[in-house]
PDB file of N, CA and C in Angstrom:
ATOM      1  N   MET A   1       6.111  71.852-204.440  1.00  0.00           N
ATOM      2  CA  MET A   1       6.361  72.276-203.074  1.00  0.00           C
ATOM      3  C   MET A   1       7.820  71.939-202.669  1.00  0.00           C
ATOM      4  N   SER A   2       8.289  70.763-203.109  1.00  0.00           N
ATOM      5  CA  SER A   2       9.665  70.410-202.769  1.00  0.00           C
ATOM      6  C   SER A   2      10.663  71.346-203.434  1.00  0.00           C
ATOM      7  N   GLN A   3      10.292  71.856-204.614  1.00  0.00           N
ATOM      8  CA  GLN A   3      11.174  72.792-205.295  1.00  0.00           C
ATOM      9  C   GLN A   3      11.278  74.118-204.493  1.00  0.00           C
ATOM     10  N   ILE A   4      10.164  74.547-203.950  1.00  0.00           N
ATOM     11  CA  ILE A   4      10.153  75.780-203.153  1.00  0.00           C
ATOM     12  C   ILE A   4      10.993  75.590-201.897  1.00  0.00           C
ATOM     13  N   LEU A   5      10.854  74.426-201.268  1.00  0.00           N
ATOM     14  CA  LEU A   5      11.653  74.143-200.064  1.00  0.00           C
ATOM     15  C   LEU A   5      13.138  74.082-200.417  1.00  0.00           C
ATOM     16  N   ALA A   6      13.469  73.507-201.554  1.00  0.00           N
ATOM     17  CA  ALA A   6      14.862  73.438-201.973  1.00  0.00           C
ATOM     18  C   ALA A   6      15.416  74.851-202.239  1.00  0.00           C
ATOM     19  N   GLN A   7      14.583  75.726-202.829  1.00  0.00           N
ATOM     20  CA  GLN A   7      15.010  77.107-203.053  1.00  0.00           C
ATOM     21  C   GLN A   7      15.238  77.815-201.729  1.00  0.00           C
ATOM     22  N   ALA A   8      14.329  77.586-200.804  1.00  0.00           N
ATOM     23  CA  ALA A   8      14.457  78.243-199.487  1.00  0.00           C
ATOM     24  C   ALA A   8      15.720  77.760-198.773  1.00  0.00           C
ATOM     25  N   GLN A   9      16.020  76.470-198.862  1.00  0.00           N
ATOM     26  CA  GLN A   9      17.217  75.939-198.207  1.00  0.00           C
ATOM     27  C   GLN A   9      18.481  76.485-198.887  1.00  0.00           C
ATOM     28  N   ALA A  10      18.471  76.619-200.205  1.00  0.00           N
ATOM     29  CA  ALA A  10      19.611  77.187-200.929  1.00  0.00           C
ATOM     30  C   ALA A  10      19.821  78.643-200.531  1.00  0.00           C
ATOM     31  N   MET A  11      18.725  79.374-200.426  1.00  0.00           N
ATOM     32  CA  MET A  11      18.825  80.762-200.029  1.00  0.00           C
ATOM     33  C   MET A  11      19.314  80.912-198.590  1.00  0.00           C
ATOM     34  N   GLN A  12      18.884  79.996-197.730  1.00  0.00           N
ATOM     35  CA  GLN A  12      19.331  80.044-196.342  1.00  0.00           C
ATOM     36  C   GLN A  12      20.833  79.760-196.277  1.00  0.00           C
ATOM     37  N   ALA A  13      21.326  78.848-197.086  1.00  0.00           N
ATOM     38  CA  ALA A  13      22.769  78.555-197.131  1.00  0.00           C
ATOM     39  C   ALA A  13      23.526  79.777-197.632  1.00  0.00           C
ATOM     40  N   GLN A  14      22.983  80.452-198.633  1.00  0.00           N
ATOM     41  CA  GLN A  14      23.641  81.667-199.130  1.00  0.00           C
ATOM     42  C   GLN A  14      23.642  82.764-198.093  1.00  0.00           C
ATOM     43  N   LEU A  15      22.578  82.865-197.339  1.00  0.00           N
ATOM     44  CA  LEU A  15      22.486  83.877-196.278  1.00  0.00           C
ATOM     45  C   LEU A  15      23.520  83.577-195.192  1.00  0.00           C
ATOM     46  N   GLN A  16      23.660  82.330-194.812  1.00  0.00           N
ATOM     47  CA  GLN A  16      24.639  81.965-193.797  1.00  0.00           C
ATOM     48  C   GLN A  16      26.049  82.229-194.280  1.00  0.00           C
ATOM     49  N   GLU A  17      26.323  81.965-195.571  1.00  0.00           N
ATOM     50  CA  GLU A  17      27.643  82.262-196.134  1.00  0.00           C
ATOM     51  C   GLU A  17      27.915  83.752-196.134  1.00  0.00           C
ATOM     52  N   ALA A  18      26.917  84.548-196.482  1.00  0.00           N
ATOM     53  CA  ALA A  18      27.067  85.995-196.457  1.00  0.00           C
ATOM     54  C   ALA A  18      27.358  86.475-195.046  1.00  0.00           C
ATOM     55  N   GLN A  19      26.699  85.928-194.069  1.00  0.00           N
ATOM     56  CA  GLN A  19      26.921  86.313-192.665  1.00  0.00           C
ATOM     57  C   GLN A  19      28.334  85.947-192.266  1.00  0.00           C
ATOM     58  N   ARG A  20      28.844  84.762-192.692  1.00  0.00           N
ATOM     59  CA  ARG A  20      30.228  84.389-192.381  1.00  0.00           C
ATOM     60  C   ARG A  20      31.219  85.357-193.028  1.00  0.00           C
ATOM     61  N   GLU A  21      30.941  85.741-194.281  1.00  0.00           N
ATOM     62  CA  GLU A  21      31.820  86.673-194.965  1.00  0.00           C
ATOM     63  C   GLU A  21      31.873  88.022-194.237  1.00  0.00           C
ATOM     64  N   ILE A  22      30.735  88.489-193.808  1.00  0.00           N
ATOM     65  CA  ILE A  22      30.690  89.772-193.082  1.00  0.00           C
ATOM     66  C   ILE A  22      31.495  89.671-191.797  1.00  0.00           C
ATOM     67  N   LEU A  23      31.269  88.605-191.016  1.00  0.00           N
ATOM     68  CA  LEU A  23      31.980  88.447-189.756  1.00  0.00           C
ATOM     69  C   LEU A  23      33.487  88.312-189.965  1.00  0.00           C
ATOM     70  N   ALA A  24      33.901  87.775-191.086  1.00  0.00           N
ATOM     71  CA  ALA A  24      35.325  87.574-191.359  1.00  0.00           C
ATOM     72  C   ALA A  24      35.977  88.858-191.924  1.00  0.00           C
ATOM     73  N   SER A  25      35.188  89.866-192.217  1.00  0.00           N
ATOM     74  CA  SER A  25      35.680  91.088-192.840  1.00  0.00           C
ATOM     75  C   SER A  25      36.185  92.080-191.812  1.00  0.00           C
ATOM     76  N   THR A  26      37.060  92.969-192.287  1.00  0.00           N
ATOM     77  CA  THR A  26      37.503  94.117-191.516  1.00  0.00           C
ATOM     78  C   THR A  26      37.402  95.347-192.408  1.00  0.00           C
ATOM     79  N   VAL A  27      36.823  96.405-191.888  1.00  0.00           N
ATOM     80  CA  VAL A  27      36.712  97.657-192.630  1.00  0.00           C
ATOM     81  C   VAL A  27      37.525  98.705-191.907  1.00  0.00           C
ATOM     82  N   THR A  28      37.951  99.734-192.642  1.00  0.00           N
ATOM     83  CA  THR A  28      38.740 100.797-192.056  1.00  0.00           C
ATOM     84  C   THR A  28      38.033 102.151-192.311  1.00  0.00           C
ATOM     85  N   GLY A  29      37.909 102.894-191.242  1.00  0.00           N
ATOM     86  CA  GLY A  29      37.401 104.254-191.329  1.00  0.00           C
ATOM     87  C   GLY A  29      38.539 105.226-191.071  1.00  0.00           C
ATOM     88  N   THR A  30      38.527 106.342-191.786  1.00  0.00           N
ATOM     89  CA  THR A  30      39.578 107.346-191.605  1.00  0.00           C
ATOM     90  C   THR A  30      38.951 108.703-191.379  1.00  0.00           C
ATOM     91  N   ALA A  31      39.731 109.587-190.810  1.00  0.00           N
ATOM     92  CA  ALA A  31      39.302 110.983-190.600  1.00  0.00           C
ATOM     93  C   ALA A  31      40.539 111.852-190.668  1.00  0.00           C
ATOM     94  N   GLY A  32      40.309 113.123-190.940  1.00  0.00           N
ATOM     95  CA  GLY A  32      41.422 114.077-190.982  1.00  0.00           C
ATOM     96  C   GLY A  32      42.421 113.753-192.084  1.00  0.00           C
ATOM     97  N   ASN A  33      41.888 113.386-193.253  1.00  0.00           N
ATOM     98  CA  ASN A  33      42.750 113.024-194.373  1.00  0.00           C
ATOM     99  C   ASN A  33      43.733 111.905-194.027  1.00  0.00           C
ATOM    100  N   GLY A  34      43.245 110.937-193.258  1.00  0.00           N
ATOM    101  CA  GLY A  34      44.059 109.786-192.913  1.00  0.00           C
ATOM    102  C   GLY A  34      44.898 109.937-191.656  1.00  0.00           C
ATOM    103  N   LEU A  35      44.774 111.052-190.979  1.00  0.00           N
ATOM    104  CA  LEU A  35      45.572 111.233-189.743  1.00  0.00           C
ATOM    105  C   LEU A  35      45.116 110.297-188.635  1.00  0.00           C
ATOM    106  N   VAL A  36      43.864 109.926-188.662  1.00  0.00           N
ATOM    107  CA  VAL A  36      43.333 108.949-187.711  1.00  0.00           C
ATOM    108  C   VAL A  36      42.621 107.854-188.524  1.00  0.00           C
ATOM    109  N   SER A  37      42.932 106.601-188.221  1.00  0.00           N
ATOM    110  CA  SER A  37      42.239 105.513-188.858  1.00  0.00           C
ATOM    111  C   SER A  37      41.851 104.466-187.812  1.00  0.00           C
ATOM    112  N   LEU A  38      40.795 103.765-188.129  1.00  0.00           N
ATOM    113  CA  LEU A  38      40.235 102.818-187.169  1.00  0.00           C
ATOM    114  C   LEU A  38      39.779 101.579-187.957  1.00  0.00           C
ATOM    115  N   ASP A  39      40.211 100.399-187.506  1.00  0.00           N
ATOM    116  CA  ASP A  39      39.778  99.146-188.103  1.00  0.00           C
ATOM    117  C   ASP A  39      38.665  98.557-187.270  1.00  0.00           C
ATOM    118  N   MET A  40      37.609  98.102-187.963  1.00  0.00           N
ATOM    119  CA  MET A  40      36.451  97.513-187.282  1.00  0.00           C
ATOM    120  C   MET A  40      36.201  96.141-187.894  1.00  0.00           C
ATOM    121  N   THR A  41      36.005  95.143-187.046  1.00  0.00           N
ATOM    122  CA  THR A  41      35.707  93.797-187.527  1.00  0.00           C
ATOM    123  C   THR A  41      34.232  93.685-187.907  1.00  0.00           C
ATOM    124  N   GLY A  42      33.896  92.612-188.602  1.00  0.00           N
ATOM    125  CA  GLY A  42      32.554  92.407-189.067  1.00  0.00           C
ATOM    126  C   GLY A  42      31.507  92.320-187.973  1.00  0.00           C
ATOM    127  N   ASP A  43      31.926  92.056-186.751  1.00  0.00           N
ATOM    128  CA  ASP A  43      30.953  92.006-185.664  1.00  0.00           C
ATOM    129  C   ASP A  43      30.895  93.333-184.909  1.00  0.00           C
ATOM    130  N   GLY A  44      31.525  94.383-185.476  1.00  0.00           N
ATOM    131  CA  GLY A  44      31.397  95.737-184.916  1.00  0.00           C
ATOM    132  C   GLY A  44      32.410  96.072-183.843  1.00  0.00           C
ATOM    133  N   LYS A  45      33.401  95.248-183.628  1.00  0.00           N
ATOM    134  CA  LYS A  45      34.413  95.525-182.603  1.00  0.00           C
ATOM    135  C   LYS A  45      35.562  96.327-183.229  1.00  0.00           C
ATOM    136  N   VAL A  46      36.082  97.255-182.445  1.00  0.00           N
ATOM    137  CA  VAL A  46      37.237  98.034-182.896  1.00  0.00           C
ATOM    138  C   VAL A  46      38.482  97.161-182.710  1.00  0.00           C
ATOM    139  N   ALA A  47      39.189  96.956-183.839  1.00  0.00           N
ATOM    140  CA  ALA A  47      40.371  96.088-183.795  1.00  0.00           C
ATOM    141  C   ALA A  47      41.662  96.893-183.662  1.00  0.00           C
ATOM    142  N   ALA A  48      41.681  98.104-184.205  1.00  0.00           N
ATOM    143  CA  ALA A  48      42.908  98.913-184.122  1.00  0.00           C
ATOM    144  C   ALA A  48      42.559 100.385-184.340  1.00  0.00           C
ATOM    145  N   VAL A  49      43.355 101.233-183.718  1.00  0.00           N
ATOM    146  CA  VAL A  49      43.248 102.667-183.922  1.00  0.00           C
ATOM    147  C   VAL A  49      44.668 103.164-184.181  1.00  0.00           C
ATOM    148  N   ARG A  50      44.819 103.929-185.265  1.00  0.00           N
ATOM    149  CA  ARG A  50      46.123 104.520-185.591  1.00  0.00           C
ATOM    150  C   ARG A  50      45.983 106.046-185.613  1.00  0.00           C
ATOM    151  N   ILE A  51      46.886 106.714-184.904  1.00  0.00           N
ATOM    152  CA  ILE A  51      46.838 108.178-184.815  1.00  0.00           C
ATOM    153  C   ILE A  51      48.207 108.717-185.229  1.00  0.00           C
ATOM    154  N   ASP A  52      48.216 109.560-186.243  1.00  0.00           N
ATOM    155  CA  ASP A  52      49.456 110.202-186.697  1.00  0.00           C
ATOM    156  C   ASP A  52      49.911 111.145-185.598  1.00  0.00           C
ATOM    157  N   PRO A  53      51.170 111.086-185.205  1.00  0.00           N
ATOM    158  CA  PRO A  53      51.661 111.952-184.126  1.00  0.00           C
ATOM    159  C   PRO A  53      51.416 113.440-184.355  1.00  0.00           C
ATOM    160  N   GLN A  54      51.345 113.878-185.602  1.00  0.00           N
ATOM    161  CA  GLN A  54      51.172 115.325-185.843  1.00  0.00           C
ATOM    162  C   GLN A  54      49.816 115.826-185.408  1.00  0.00           C
ATOM    163  N   VAL A  55      48.850 114.935-185.187  1.00  0.00           N
ATOM    164  CA  VAL A  55      47.536 115.359-184.781  1.00  0.00           C
ATOM    165  C   VAL A  55      47.405 115.403-183.241  1.00  0.00           C
ATOM    166  N   VAL A  56      48.429 114.936-182.561  1.00  0.00           N
ATOM    167  CA  VAL A  56      48.390 114.903-181.081  1.00  0.00           C
ATOM    168  C   VAL A  56      48.894 116.247-180.556  1.00  0.00           C
ATOM    169  N   ASP A  57      47.939 117.038-180.113  1.00  0.00           N
ATOM    170  CA  ASP A  57      48.264 118.362-179.551  1.00  0.00           C
ATOM    171  C   ASP A  57      47.613 118.439-178.161  1.00  0.00           C
ATOM    172  N   PRO A  58      48.417 118.445-177.109  1.00  0.00           N
ATOM    173  CA  PRO A  58      47.845 118.479-175.748  1.00  0.00           C
ATOM    174  C   PRO A  58      46.928 119.689-175.510  1.00  0.00           C
ATOM    175  N   GLU A  59      47.104 120.736-176.311  1.00  0.00           N
ATOM    176  CA  GLU A  59      46.272 121.932-176.165  1.00  0.00           C
ATOM    177  C   GLU A  59      44.945 121.801-176.917  1.00  0.00           C
ATOM    178  N   ASP A  60      44.802 120.740-177.731  1.00  0.00           N
ATOM    179  CA  ASP A  60      43.603 120.603-178.571  1.00  0.00           C
ATOM    180  C   ASP A  60      43.147 119.139-178.618  1.00  0.00           C
ATOM    181  N   ILE A  61      42.790 118.622-177.475  1.00  0.00           N
ATOM    182  CA  ILE A  61      42.326 117.246-177.361  1.00  0.00           C
ATOM    183  C   ILE A  61      40.997 117.064-178.091  1.00  0.00           C
ATOM    184  N   GLU A  62      40.168 118.078-178.122  1.00  0.00           N
ATOM    185  CA  GLU A  62      38.840 117.985-178.735  1.00  0.00           C
ATOM    186  C   GLU A  62      38.944 117.583-180.229  1.00  0.00           C
ATOM    187  N   THR A  63      39.892 118.143-180.942  1.00  0.00           N
ATOM    188  CA  THR A  63      40.044 117.786-182.355  1.00  0.00           C
ATOM    189  C   THR A  63      40.392 116.320-182.517  1.00  0.00           C
ATOM    190  N   LEU A  64      41.281 115.815-181.704  1.00  0.00           N
ATOM    191  CA  LEU A  64      41.643 114.396-181.751  1.00  0.00           C
ATOM    192  C   LEU A  64      40.426 113.542-181.445  1.00  0.00           C
ATOM    193  N   GLN A  65      39.675 113.923-180.443  1.00  0.00           N
ATOM    194  CA  GLN A  65      38.468 113.177-180.096  1.00  0.00           C
ATOM    195  C   GLN A  65      37.485 113.158-181.257  1.00  0.00           C
ATOM    196  N   ASP A  66      37.298 114.297-181.897  1.00  0.00           N
ATOM    197  CA  ASP A  66      36.400 114.389-183.048  1.00  0.00           C
ATOM    198  C   ASP A  66      36.884 113.508-184.193  1.00  0.00           C
ATOM    199  N   LEU A  67      38.186 113.463-184.406  1.00  0.00           N
ATOM    200  CA  LEU A  67      38.732 112.643-185.476  1.00  0.00           C
ATOM    201  C   LEU A  67      38.512 111.152-185.217  1.00  0.00           C
ATOM    202  N   ILE A  68      38.644 110.759-183.974  1.00  0.00           N
ATOM    203  CA  ILE A  68      38.413 109.344-183.622  1.00  0.00           C
ATOM    204  C   ILE A  68      36.934 109.004-183.814  1.00  0.00           C
ATOM    205  N   VAL A  69      36.052 109.876-183.389  1.00  0.00           N
ATOM    206  CA  VAL A  69      34.616 109.639-183.613  1.00  0.00           C
ATOM    207  C   VAL A  69      34.311 109.592-185.107  1.00  0.00           C
ATOM    208  N   GLY A  70      34.917 110.464-185.879  1.00  0.00           N
ATOM    209  CA  GLY A  70      34.714 110.467-187.313  1.00  0.00           C
ATOM    210  C   GLY A  70      35.187 109.191-187.968  1.00  0.00           C
ATOM    211  N   ALA A  71      36.338 108.702-187.560  1.00  0.00           N
ATOM    212  CA  ALA A  71      36.860 107.433-188.109  1.00  0.00           C
ATOM    213  C   ALA A  71      35.957 106.272-187.718  1.00  0.00           C
ATOM    214  N   PHE A  72      35.470 106.280-186.491  1.00  0.00           N
ATOM    215  CA  PHE A  72      34.547 105.219-186.055  1.00  0.00           C
ATOM    216  C   PHE A  72      33.262 105.241-186.880  1.00  0.00           C
ATOM    217  N   SER A  73      32.729 106.458-187.075  1.00  0.00           N
ATOM    218  CA  SER A  73      31.474 106.593-187.842  1.00  0.00           C
ATOM    219  C   SER A  73      31.665 106.114-189.282  1.00  0.00           C
ATOM    220  N   GLU A  74      32.783 106.442-189.874  1.00  0.00           N
ATOM    221  CA  GLU A  74      33.046 105.986-191.263  1.00  0.00           C
ATOM    222  C   GLU A  74      33.149 104.477-191.327  1.00  0.00           C
ATOM    223  N   ALA A  75      33.879 103.888-190.385  1.00  0.00           N
ATOM    224  CA  ALA A  75      34.025 102.429-190.347  1.00  0.00           C
ATOM    225  C   ALA A  75      32.661 101.767-190.140  1.00  0.00           C
ATOM    226  N   HIS A  76      31.867 102.309-189.266  1.00  0.00           N
ATOM    227  CA  HIS A  76      30.538 101.762-188.989  1.00  0.00           C
ATOM    228  C   HIS A  76      29.668 101.842-190.257  1.00  0.00           C
ATOM    229  N   GLY A  77      29.738 102.942-190.962  1.00  0.00           N
ATOM    230  CA  GLY A  77      29.000 103.098-192.210  1.00  0.00           C
ATOM    231  C   GLY A  77      29.446 102.117-193.260  1.00  0.00           C
ATOM    232  N   LYS A  78      30.750 101.868-193.350  1.00  0.00           N
ATOM    233  CA  LYS A  78      31.291 100.890-194.315  1.00  0.00           C
ATOM    234  C   LYS A  78      30.810  99.477-193.963  1.00  0.00           C
ATOM    235  N   LEU A  79      30.747  99.174-192.679  1.00  0.00           N
ATOM    236  CA  LEU A  79      30.287  97.868-192.250  1.00  0.00           C
ATOM    237  C   LEU A  79      28.801  97.684-192.600  1.00  0.00           C
ATOM    238  N   ALA A  80      28.004  98.731-192.401  1.00  0.00           N
ATOM    239  CA  ALA A  80      26.576  98.674-192.769  1.00  0.00           C
ATOM    240  C   ALA A  80      26.431  98.491-194.277  1.00  0.00           C
ATOM    241  N   SER A  81      27.270  99.180-195.050  1.00  0.00           N
ATOM    242  CA  SER A  81      27.211  99.039-196.536  1.00  0.00           C
ATOM    243  C   SER A  81      27.609  97.628-196.956  1.00  0.00           C
ATOM    244  N   LEU A  82      28.595  97.077-196.285  1.00  0.00           N
ATOM    245  CA  LEU A  82      29.018  95.703-196.612  1.00  0.00           C
ATOM    246  C   LEU A  82      27.897  94.721-196.315  1.00  0.00           C
ATOM    247  N   ALA A  83      27.239  94.912-195.179  1.00  0.00           N
ATOM    248  CA  ALA A  83      26.128  94.035-194.827  1.00  0.00           C
ATOM    249  C   ALA A  83      24.989  94.164-195.842  1.00  0.00           C
ATOM    250  N   GLU A  84      24.695  95.362-196.252  1.00  0.00           N
ATOM    251  CA  GLU A  84      23.643  95.581-197.246  1.00  0.00           C
ATOM    252  C   GLU A  84      24.010  94.939-198.575  1.00  0.00           C
ATOM    253  N   GLN A  85      25.280  95.081-198.953  1.00  0.00           N
ATOM    254  CA  GLN A  85      25.763  94.510-200.213  1.00  0.00           C
ATOM    255  C   GLN A  85      25.660  92.992-200.191  1.00  0.00           C
ATOM    256  N   LYS A  86      26.032  92.397-199.090  1.00  0.00           N
ATOM    257  CA  LYS A  86      26.025  90.936-198.986  1.00  0.00           C
ATOM    258  C   LYS A  86      24.627  90.353-198.740  1.00  0.00           C
ATOM    259  N   MET A  87      23.826  91.039-197.922  1.00  0.00           N
ATOM    260  CA  MET A  87      22.558  90.496-197.493  1.00  0.00           C
ATOM    261  C   MET A  87      21.374  91.004-198.300  1.00  0.00           C
ATOM    262  N   GLY A  88      21.480  92.182-198.878  1.00  0.00           N
ATOM    263  CA  GLY A  88      20.379  92.803-199.582  1.00  0.00           C
ATOM    264  C   GLY A  88      19.755  91.918-200.655  1.00  0.00           C
ATOM    265  N   PRO A  89      20.551  91.404-201.589  1.00  0.00           N
ATOM    266  CA  PRO A  89      19.965  90.562-202.647  1.00  0.00           C
ATOM    267  C   PRO A  89      19.306  89.295-202.085  1.00  0.00           C
ATOM    268  N   LEU A  90      19.865  88.767-201.000  1.00  0.00           N
ATOM    269  CA  LEU A  90      19.296  87.569-200.426  1.00  0.00           C
ATOM    270  C   LEU A  90      17.965  87.839-199.746  1.00  0.00           C
ATOM    271  N   SER A  91      17.832  88.984-199.090  1.00  0.00           N
ATOM    272  CA  SER A  91      16.560  89.297-198.437  1.00  0.00           C
ATOM    273  C   SER A  91      15.449  89.485-199.457  1.00  0.00           C
ATOM    274  N   GLN A  92      15.786  89.989-200.630  1.00  0.00           N
ATOM    275  CA  GLN A  92      14.787  90.149-201.695  1.00  0.00           C
ATOM    276  C   GLN A  92      14.282  88.783-202.130  1.00  0.00           C
ATOM    277  N   GLY A  93      15.170  87.809-202.171  1.00  0.00           N
ATOM    278  CA  GLY A  93      14.772  86.441-202.535  1.00  0.00           C
ATOM    279  C   GLY A  93      13.833  85.835-201.515  1.00  0.00           C
ATOM    280  N   PHE A  94      14.073  86.105-200.234  1.00  0.00           N
ATOM    281  CA  PHE A  94      13.175  85.607-199.197  1.00  0.00           C
ATOM    282  C   PHE A  94      11.823  86.271-199.289  1.00  0.00           C
ATOM    283  N   ASP A  95      11.778  87.559-199.663  1.00  0.00           N
ATOM    284  CA  ASP A  95      10.518  88.257-199.841  1.00  0.00           C
ATOM    285  C   ASP A  95       9.684  87.605-200.920  1.00  0.00           C
ATOM    286  N   SER A  96      10.316  87.194-202.017  1.00  0.00           N
ATOM    287  CA  SER A  96       9.568  86.557-203.095  1.00  0.00           C
ATOM    288  C   SER A  96       9.066  85.191-202.686  1.00  0.00           C
ATOM    289  N   LEU A  97       9.833  84.487-201.860  1.00  0.00           N
ATOM    290  CA  LEU A  97       9.365  83.174-201.361  1.00  0.00           C
ATOM    291  C   LEU A  97       8.160  83.352-200.420  1.00  0.00           C
ATOM    292  N   ASN A  98       8.199  84.397-199.595  1.00  0.00           N
ATOM    293  CA  ASN A  98       7.082  84.649-198.670  1.00  0.00           C
ATOM    294  C   ASN A  98       5.790  84.860-199.433  1.00  0.00           C
ATOM    295  N   GLY A  99       5.846  85.446-200.612  1.00  0.00           N
ATOM    296  CA  GLY A  99       4.646  85.670-201.397  1.00  0.00           C
ATOM    297  C   GLY A  99       4.009  84.386-201.889  1.00  0.00           C
ATOM    298  N   MET A 100       4.768  83.293-201.876  1.00  0.00           N
ATOM    299  CA  MET A 100       4.241  82.011-202.367  1.00  0.00           C
ATOM    300  C   MET A 100       3.429  81.293-201.317  1.00  0.00           C
ATOM    301  N   PHE A 101       3.537  81.711-200.058  1.00  0.00           N
ATOM    302  CA  PHE A 101       2.825  80.978-198.995  1.00  0.00           C
ATOM    303  C   PHE A 101       1.648  81.714-198.531  1.00  0.00           C
TER     304      PHE A 101
END
């Protein structure tokens, strides 16, 4: 029983480390072949938006808006993938421990 508790504590420590790594990360989403890019921190906050001047057309604001949304969506997807990469293997370990109780 003490071995199972030790395994659970080790897995919990690994989970907390993975969470710290995710929060310390920054991902970048791009759209329009890099004309718009957006940096998102591990907690989902937008840290920076970069817009190439050539995409700024006062007659076509909708395209720029779409590019910003696209960059945000890509960054959000990358953050979700990072979380899955860091947390996925750990959650499988917790599932196997739950089967022991």
